[in-house]
C-alpha atoms as a PDB file:
ATOM      1  CA  ASN A   1       1.287 -47.833  -4.359  1.00  0.00           C
ATOM      2  CA  SER A   2      -1.969 -48.109  -2.515  1.00  0.00           C
ATOM      3  CA  LYS A   3      -3.871 -51.368  -2.662  1.00  0.00           C
ATOM      4  CA  TYR A   4      -7.021 -49.858  -1.100  1.00  0.00           C
ATOM      5  CA  LEU A   5     -10.111 -48.841  -3.087  1.00  0.00           C
ATOM      6  CA  GLU A   6     -11.369 -45.353  -2.190  1.00  0.00           C
ATOM      7  CA  MET A   7     -15.016 -45.714  -1.099  1.00  0.00           C
ATOM      8  CA  SER A   8     -17.635 -43.094  -2.014  1.00  0.00           C
ATOM      9  CA  ASN A   9     -19.049 -41.029   0.849  1.00  0.00           C
ATOM     10  CA  VAL A  10     -22.534 -41.083  -0.820  1.00  0.00           C
ATOM     11  CA  ASN A  11     -25.206 -43.399   0.286  1.00  0.00           C
ATOM     12  CA  LEU A  12     -27.066 -44.109  -2.932  1.00  0.00           C
ATOM     13  CA  THR A  13     -30.334 -45.332  -1.199  1.00  0.00           C
ATOM     14  CA  ASP A  14     -30.533 -42.122   0.792  1.00  0.00           C
ATOM     15  CA  GLU A  15     -29.849 -40.043  -2.328  1.00  0.00           C
ATOM     16  CA  PHE A  16     -32.509 -41.725  -4.289  1.00  0.00           C
ATOM     17  CA  VAL A  17     -35.033 -41.241  -1.477  1.00  0.00           C
ATOM     18  CA  ASN A  18     -34.098 -37.611  -1.258  1.00  0.00           C
ATOM     19  CA  MET A  19     -34.455 -37.210  -5.047  1.00  0.00           C
ATOM     20  CA  ILE A  20     -37.840 -38.864  -5.077  1.00  0.00           C
ATOM     21  CA  THR A  21     -39.030 -36.822  -2.168  1.00  0.00           C
ATOM     22  CA  THR A  22     -37.833 -33.564  -3.838  1.00  0.00           C
ATOM     23  CA  GLN A  23     -39.469 -34.600  -7.173  1.00  0.00           C
ATOM     24  CA  ARG A  24     -42.834 -35.300  -5.464  1.00  0.00           C
ATOM     25  CA  GLY A  25     -42.640 -31.970  -3.622  1.00  0.00           C
ATOM     26  CA  TYR A  26     -41.988 -30.282  -6.997  1.00  0.00           C
ATOM     27  CA  GLN A  27     -44.916 -32.105  -8.593  1.00  0.00           C
ATOM     28  CA  ALA A  28     -47.228 -31.183  -5.564  1.00  0.00           C
ATOM     29  CA  SER A  29     -46.180 -27.479  -5.932  1.00  0.00           C
ATOM     30  CA  GLY A  30     -47.077 -27.626  -9.646  1.00  0.00           C
ATOM     31  CA  ARG A  31     -50.495 -29.076  -8.933  1.00  0.00           C
ATOM     32  CA  ALA A  32     -51.104 -26.474  -6.225  1.00  0.00           C
ATOM     33  CA  ILE A  33     -50.254 -23.689  -8.764  1.00  0.00           C
ATOM     34  CA  THR A  34     -52.530 -25.303 -11.437  1.00  0.00           C
ATOM     35  CA  THR A  35     -55.411 -25.478  -8.950  1.00  0.00           C
ATOM     36  CA  SER A  36     -54.868 -21.895  -7.900  1.00  0.00           C
ATOM     37  CA  ASP A  37     -54.901 -20.722 -11.484  1.00  0.00           C
ATOM     38  CA  GLN A  38     -58.112 -22.739 -12.109  1.00  0.00           C
ATOM     39  CA  MET A  39     -59.796 -21.217  -9.015  1.00  0.00           C
ATOM     40  CA  LEU A  40     -58.780 -17.750 -10.084  1.00  0.00           C
ATOM     41  CA  MET A  41     -60.189 -18.267 -13.652  1.00  0.00           C
ATOM     42  CA  GLU A  42     -63.455 -19.614 -12.100  1.00  0.00           C
ATOM     43  CA  LEU A  43     -63.674 -16.549  -9.864  1.00  0.00           C
ATOM     44  CA  LEU A  44     -63.132 -14.224 -12.753  1.00  0.00           C
ATOM     45  CA  ASP A  45     -65.799 -16.076 -14.798  1.00  0.00           C
ATOM     46  CA  ILE A  46     -68.298 -15.782 -11.869  1.00  0.00           C
ATOM     47  CA  LYS A  47     -67.574 -12.002 -11.607  1.00  0.00           C
ATOM     48  CA  ARG A  48     -68.369 -11.414 -15.286  1.00  0.00           C
END
């Protein structure tokens, strides 16, 4: 009968920082794609 509590090997602070960093990177990628689409649409409008 063990009287020791098993500790998690996960550092929650580090995991939250990684999650937020990943989320912001994803958001930035989405904005880059949106901007690229807008630029392409403007280019096509100029060409017409």
